[in-house]
């Protein structure tokens, strides 16, 4: 059984939220991952960090969420960046040449 966990840690209410992701990011976990990130944008955090150190697997579904939320953030004047990426996350971002977009 796969288990994926998302938790949002508010480091400073007016400045930044940190979304901590553990487990696998794929088609099955895309909707809750998107909801977690978009929730931070809805609450108008100017900076959102995504801690991906404990991500064991990520496919293009997880990448799609990160890029879509990045675009939404830019439209609203916010930023989203990946922090402490696991090896599999770094590999996918490197292969797709998106690490610069997500300020890894």
C-alpha atoms as a PDB file:
ATOM      1  CA  UNK A   1       0.000   0.000   0.000  1.00  0.00           C
ATOM      2  CA  UNK A   2       1.267   3.451  -0.928  1.00  0.00           C
ATOM      3  CA  UNK A   3       1.105   6.227   1.540  1.00  0.00           C
ATOM      4  CA  UNK A   4       1.533   9.885   0.751  1.00  0.00           C
ATOM      5  CA  UNK A   5       1.290  12.618   3.311  1.00  0.00           C
ATOM      6  CA  UNK A   6       1.026  16.369   2.864  1.00  0.00           C
ATOM      7  CA  UNK A   7       1.318  18.843   5.683  1.00  0.00           C
ATOM      8  CA  UNK A   8       1.567  22.598   5.628  1.00  0.00           C
ATOM      9  CA  UNK A   9       3.746  24.302   8.184  1.00  0.00           C
ATOM     10  CA  UNK A  10       3.224  28.029   8.477  1.00  0.00           C
ATOM     11  CA  UNK A  11       6.608  29.503   9.269  1.00  0.00           C
ATOM     12  CA  UNK A  12       5.494  33.126   9.271  1.00  0.00           C
ATOM     13  CA  UNK A  13       1.817  33.920   8.528  1.00  0.00           C
ATOM     14  CA  UNK A  14       2.459  37.056   6.481  1.00  0.00           C
ATOM     15  CA  UNK A  15       5.484  35.748   4.640  1.00  0.00           C
ATOM     16  CA  UNK A  16       5.821  32.039   3.963  1.00  0.00           C
ATOM     17  CA  UNK A  17       4.197  28.632   4.102  1.00  0.00           C
ATOM     18  CA  UNK A  18       6.081  25.343   3.807  1.00  0.00           C
ATOM     19  CA  UNK A  19       4.347  22.274   2.363  1.00  0.00           C
ATOM     20  CA  UNK A  20       6.067  19.084   3.481  1.00  0.00           C
ATOM     21  CA  UNK A  21       5.533  16.096   1.188  1.00  0.00           C
ATOM     22  CA  UNK A  22       6.266  12.481   2.144  1.00  0.00           C
ATOM     23  CA  UNK A  23       5.775   9.413  -0.004  1.00  0.00           C
ATOM     24  CA  UNK A  24       4.906   9.192  -3.700  1.00  0.00           C
ATOM     25  CA  UNK A  25       3.648  11.794  -6.154  1.00  0.00           C
ATOM     26  CA  UNK A  26       1.846  10.292  -9.101  1.00  0.00           C
ATOM     27  CA  UNK A  27      -1.535  10.349 -10.838  1.00  0.00           C
ATOM     28  CA  UNK A  28      -3.309   9.028  -7.733  1.00  0.00           C
ATOM     29  CA  UNK A  29      -1.878  11.683  -5.416  1.00  0.00           C
ATOM     30  CA  UNK A  30      -2.024  14.576  -7.885  1.00  0.00           C
ATOM     31  CA  UNK A  31      -5.413  15.973  -6.676  1.00  0.00           C
ATOM     32  CA  UNK A  32      -4.547  16.276  -2.972  1.00  0.00           C
ATOM     33  CA  UNK A  33      -1.088  17.650  -3.790  1.00  0.00           C
ATOM     34  CA  UNK A  34      -2.630  20.291  -6.063  1.00  0.00           C
ATOM     35  CA  UNK A  35      -5.239  21.129  -3.400  1.00  0.00           C
ATOM     36  CA  UNK A  36      -2.546  21.594  -0.744  1.00  0.00           C
ATOM     37  CA  UNK A  37      -0.482  23.985  -2.877  1.00  0.00           C
ATOM     38  CA  UNK A  38      -3.470  25.892  -4.249  1.00  0.00           C
ATOM     39  CA  UNK A  39      -4.773  26.264  -0.691  1.00  0.00           C
ATOM     40  CA  UNK A  40      -1.601  28.135   0.204  1.00  0.00           C
ATOM     41  CA  UNK A  41      -2.088  30.399  -2.811  1.00  0.00           C
ATOM     42  CA  UNK A  42      -5.720  30.989  -1.845  1.00  0.00           C
ATOM     43  CA  UNK A  43      -4.561  32.037   1.620  1.00  0.00           C
ATOM     44  CA  UNK A  44      -2.253  34.513  -0.164  1.00  0.00           C
ATOM     45  CA  UNK A  45       1.136  33.452   1.119  1.00  0.00           C
ATOM     46  CA  UNK A  46       3.703  35.383  -0.926  1.00  0.00           C
ATOM     47  CA  UNK A  47       6.232  32.532  -0.706  1.00  0.00           C
ATOM     48  CA  UNK A  48       5.510  28.831  -0.650  1.00  0.00           C
ATOM     49  CA  UNK A  49       8.267  26.302  -0.134  1.00  0.00           C
ATOM     50  CA  UNK A  50       7.762  22.635  -0.980  1.00  0.00           C
ATOM     51  CA  UNK A  51       9.949  20.359   1.144  1.00  0.00           C
ATOM     52  CA  UNK A  52      10.399  17.210  -0.941  1.00  0.00           C
ATOM     53  CA  UNK A  53      13.175  15.492   0.978  1.00  0.00           C
ATOM     54  CA  UNK A  54      10.955  12.514   1.883  1.00  0.00           C
ATOM     55  CA  UNK A  55       9.491  11.971  -1.600  1.00  0.00           C
ATOM     56  CA  UNK A  56      10.328   8.413  -2.665  1.00  0.00           C
ATOM     57  CA  UNK A  57       8.844   8.611  -6.187  1.00  0.00           C
ATOM     58  CA  UNK A  58       7.587  11.388  -8.442  1.00  0.00           C
ATOM     59  CA  UNK A  59       6.369  11.139 -12.006  1.00  0.00           C
ATOM     60  CA  UNK A  60       5.172  13.754 -14.483  1.00  0.00           C
ATOM     61  CA  UNK A  61       1.900  14.151 -12.533  1.00  0.00           C
ATOM     62  CA  UNK A  62       3.754  15.657  -9.593  1.00  0.00           C
ATOM     63  CA  UNK A  63       5.806  17.815 -11.925  1.00  0.00           C
ATOM     64  CA  UNK A  64       2.635  18.996 -13.663  1.00  0.00           C
ATOM     65  CA  UNK A  65       1.218  20.143 -10.311  1.00  0.00           C
ATOM     66  CA  UNK A  66       4.401  22.014  -9.397  1.00  0.00           C
ATOM     67  CA  UNK A  67       4.505  23.827 -12.741  1.00  0.00           C
ATOM     68  CA  UNK A  68       0.779  24.658 -12.771  1.00  0.00           C
ATOM     69  CA  UNK A  69       0.965  26.026  -9.244  1.00  0.00           C
ATOM     70  CA  UNK A  70       4.118  27.946 -10.125  1.00  0.00           C
ATOM     71  CA  UNK A  71       2.261  29.629 -12.983  1.00  0.00           C
ATOM     72  CA  UNK A  72      -0.707  30.428 -10.734  1.00  0.00           C
ATOM     73  CA  UNK A  73       1.680  31.817  -8.121  1.00  0.00           C
ATOM     74  CA  UNK A  74       3.402  34.070 -10.650  1.00  0.00           C
ATOM     75  CA  UNK A  75       0.027  35.425 -11.780  1.00  0.00           C
ATOM     76  CA  UNK A  76      -0.796  36.372  -8.197  1.00  0.00           C
ATOM     77  CA  UNK A  77       2.644  37.799  -7.379  1.00  0.00           C
ATOM     78  CA  UNK A  78       3.732  34.828  -5.248  1.00  0.00           C
ATOM     79  CA  UNK A  79       6.533  32.291  -5.636  1.00  0.00           C
ATOM     80  CA  UNK A  80       6.751  28.530  -5.214  1.00  0.00           C
ATOM     81  CA  UNK A  81      10.093  26.811  -4.803  1.00  0.00           C
ATOM     82  CA  UNK A  82      11.239  23.269  -4.137  1.00  0.00           C
ATOM     83  CA  UNK A  83      13.337  22.860  -0.998  1.00  0.00           C
ATOM     84  CA  UNK A  84      15.438  19.873   0.026  1.00  0.00           C
ATOM     85  CA  UNK A  85      14.539  17.744  -2.986  1.00  0.00           C
ATOM     86  CA  UNK A  86      15.083  14.010  -2.760  1.00  0.00           C
ATOM     87  CA  UNK A  87      17.240  12.229  -5.299  1.00  0.00           C
ATOM     88  CA  UNK A  88      14.287  11.105  -7.441  1.00  0.00           C
ATOM     89  CA  UNK A  89      12.836  14.635  -7.479  1.00  0.00           C
ATOM     90  CA  UNK A  90      16.183  16.178  -8.437  1.00  0.00           C
ATOM     91  CA  UNK A  91      16.562  13.602 -11.203  1.00  0.00           C
ATOM     92  CA  UNK A  92      13.137  14.308 -12.718  1.00  0.00           C
ATOM     93  CA  UNK A  93      13.647  18.074 -12.549  1.00  0.00           C
ATOM     94  CA  UNK A  94      17.071  17.712 -14.122  1.00  0.00           C
ATOM     95  CA  UNK A  95      15.818  15.442 -16.926  1.00  0.00           C
ATOM     96  CA  UNK A  96      13.021  17.865 -17.760  1.00  0.00           C
ATOM     97  CA  UNK A  97      15.239  20.944 -17.355  1.00  0.00           C
ATOM     98  CA  UNK A  98      12.796  22.491 -14.878  1.00  0.00           C
ATOM     99  CA  UNK A  99      14.998  22.879 -11.807  1.00  0.00           C
ATOM    100  CA  UNK A 100      15.628  26.540 -12.633  1.00  0.00           C
ATOM    101  CA  UNK A 101      11.878  27.228 -12.863  1.00  0.00           C
ATOM    102  CA  UNK A 102      11.330  25.823  -9.388  1.00  0.00           C
ATOM    103  CA  UNK A 103      14.350  27.498  -7.788  1.00  0.00           C
ATOM    104  CA  UNK A 104      15.738  24.268  -6.456  1.00  0.00           C
END
